[in-house]
Amino acid sequence: VDETRLFSTARTPARIWADMHTHALGPTTGLVAEWTFDEGTGPTTADKSGTGNAATLGATSAVETSDPTWISSTVPH
């Protein structure tokens, strides 16, 4: 998974299509959280929406051997 957005409002197909290739929308009406997974290490990912909803990727916010593995990608944003 790379770049996940959560909205509190319905979005039209046209609006989804228009924003689909935008790496980080930042503060946007109805945007509750936006995770771009750019950190590359650690058990959390920052929220780029401006609402402060960081996500925990493992079972806890502590670094553990069971945490997901970060994989570098060459796919453009």
C-alpha atoms as a PDB file:
ATOM      1  CA  VAL A   1       0.000   0.000   0.000  1.00  0.00           C
ATOM      2  CA  ASP A   2       1.290   3.446  -0.856  1.00  0.00           C
ATOM      3  CA  GLU A   3      -0.607   6.678  -0.331  1.00  0.00           C
ATOM      4  CA  THR A   4      -3.915   6.145   1.433  1.00  0.00           C
ATOM      5  CA  ARG A   5      -6.527   8.851   2.008  1.00  0.00           C
ATOM      6  CA  LEU A   6      -9.590   8.835   4.233  1.00  0.00           C
ATOM      7  CA  PHE A   7     -12.422  11.323   3.634  1.00  0.00           C
ATOM      8  CA  SER A   8     -15.455  12.164   5.756  1.00  0.00           C
ATOM      9  CA  THR A   9     -17.417  13.236   2.687  1.00  0.00           C
ATOM     10  CA  ALA A  10     -18.456  11.533  -0.534  1.00  0.00           C
ATOM     11  CA  ARG A  11     -16.255  12.317  -3.522  1.00  0.00           C
ATOM     12  CA  THR A  12     -17.256  12.328  -7.152  1.00  0.00           C
ATOM     13  CA  PRO A  13     -15.428  10.086  -9.613  1.00  0.00           C
ATOM     14  CA  ALA A  14     -14.172  13.250 -11.350  1.00  0.00           C
ATOM     15  CA  ARG A  15     -12.650  14.604  -8.087  1.00  0.00           C
ATOM     16  CA  ILE A  16     -11.034  11.244  -7.307  1.00  0.00           C
ATOM     17  CA  TRP A  17      -9.572  11.089 -10.807  1.00  0.00           C
ATOM     18  CA  ALA A  18      -8.285  14.681 -10.606  1.00  0.00           C
ATOM     19  CA  ASP A  19      -6.462  14.017  -7.312  1.00  0.00           C
ATOM     20  CA  MET A  20      -5.311  10.472  -8.045  1.00  0.00           C
ATOM     21  CA  HIS A  21      -1.765  11.365  -9.118  1.00  0.00           C
ATOM     22  CA  THR A  22      -1.234  14.113  -6.526  1.00  0.00           C
ATOM     23  CA  HIS A  23       1.388  12.853  -4.063  1.00  0.00           C
ATOM     24  CA  ALA A  24       0.142  14.792  -1.032  1.00  0.00           C
ATOM     25  CA  LEU A  25      -3.103  16.768  -1.018  1.00  0.00           C
ATOM     26  CA  GLY A  26      -2.466  18.343   2.372  1.00  0.00           C
ATOM     27  CA  PRO A  27      -5.335  20.189   4.076  1.00  0.00           C
ATOM     28  CA  THR A  28      -8.417  19.558   1.896  1.00  0.00           C
ATOM     29  CA  THR A  29     -12.142  19.789   2.649  1.00  0.00           C
ATOM     30  CA  GLY A  30     -13.360  16.474   4.055  1.00  0.00           C
ATOM     31  CA  LEU A  31      -9.870  14.930   4.233  1.00  0.00           C
ATOM     32  CA  VAL A  32      -9.563  13.165   7.592  1.00  0.00           C
ATOM     33  CA  ALA A  33      -6.182  11.492   7.071  1.00  0.00           C
ATOM     34  CA  GLU A  34      -3.572  11.101   4.346  1.00  0.00           C
ATOM     35  CA  TRP A  35      -0.723   8.642   4.736  1.00  0.00           C
ATOM     36  CA  THR A  36       2.000   8.662   2.053  1.00  0.00           C
ATOM     37  CA  PHE A  37       4.257   6.130   3.797  1.00  0.00           C
ATOM     38  CA  ASP A  38       7.421   8.113   3.021  1.00  0.00           C
ATOM     39  CA  GLU A  39       9.175   7.434   6.350  1.00  0.00           C
ATOM     40  CA  GLY A  40      10.979   4.259   5.282  1.00  0.00           C
ATOM     41  CA  THR A  41      11.565   3.081   8.871  1.00  0.00           C
ATOM     42  CA  GLY A  42       9.722   2.775  12.157  1.00  0.00           C
ATOM     43  CA  PRO A  43       6.292   1.601  13.276  1.00  0.00           C
ATOM     44  CA  THR A  44       4.309   4.759  12.441  1.00  0.00           C
ATOM     45  CA  THR A  45       3.494   6.908   9.437  1.00  0.00           C
ATOM     46  CA  ALA A  46       2.699  10.612   9.541  1.00  0.00           C
ATOM     47  CA  ASP A  47      -0.618  12.134   8.523  1.00  0.00           C
ATOM     48  CA  LYS A  48      -0.153  14.730   5.749  1.00  0.00           C
ATOM     49  CA  SER A  49      -3.759  16.009   5.946  1.00  0.00           C
ATOM     50  CA  GLY A  50      -3.024  18.467   8.734  1.00  0.00           C
ATOM     51  CA  THR A  51      -5.398  16.726  11.165  1.00  0.00           C
ATOM     52  CA  GLY A  52      -2.681  14.867  13.082  1.00  0.00           C
ATOM     53  CA  ASN A  53      -3.940  11.309  12.579  1.00  0.00           C
ATOM     54  CA  ALA A  54      -0.639   9.412  12.512  1.00  0.00           C
ATOM     55  CA  ALA A  55      -1.035   5.680  11.893  1.00  0.00           C
ATOM     56  CA  THR A  56       0.542   2.831  13.833  1.00  0.00           C
ATOM     57  CA  LEU A  57       1.709   0.171  11.395  1.00  0.00           C
ATOM     58  CA  GLY A  58       2.537  -2.561  13.916  1.00  0.00           C
ATOM     59  CA  ALA A  59       0.745  -3.930  16.944  1.00  0.00           C
ATOM     60  CA  THR A  60       2.058  -1.025  19.076  1.00  0.00           C
ATOM     61  CA  SER A  61       3.977   2.203  18.543  1.00  0.00           C
ATOM     62  CA  ALA A  62       7.147   0.517  19.884  1.00  0.00           C
ATOM     63  CA  VAL A  63       9.659  -0.978  17.437  1.00  0.00           C
ATOM     64  CA  GLU A  64       9.072  -4.744  17.389  1.00  0.00           C
ATOM     65  CA  THR A  65      10.275  -7.640  15.244  1.00  0.00           C
ATOM     66  CA  SER A  66       6.667  -8.243  14.151  1.00  0.00           C
ATOM     67  CA  ASP A  67       6.370  -4.748  12.599  1.00  0.00           C
ATOM     68  CA  PRO A  68       5.724  -4.521   8.848  1.00  0.00           C
ATOM     69  CA  THR A  69       8.812  -4.295   6.661  1.00  0.00           C
ATOM     70  CA  TRP A  70       9.434  -1.092   4.715  1.00  0.00           C
ATOM     71  CA  ILE A  71      10.292  -1.686   1.056  1.00  0.00           C
ATOM     72  CA  SER A  72      11.808   1.015  -1.142  1.00  0.00           C
ATOM     73  CA  SER A  73      10.050   1.671  -4.418  1.00  0.00           C
ATOM     74  CA  THR A  74      11.147   3.244  -7.668  1.00  0.00           C
ATOM     75  CA  VAL A  75       7.550   3.865  -8.749  1.00  0.00           C
ATOM     76  CA  PRO A  76       7.042   7.605  -9.298  1.00  0.00           C
ATOM     77  CA  HIS A  77       4.512   9.447  -7.148  1.00  0.00           C
END
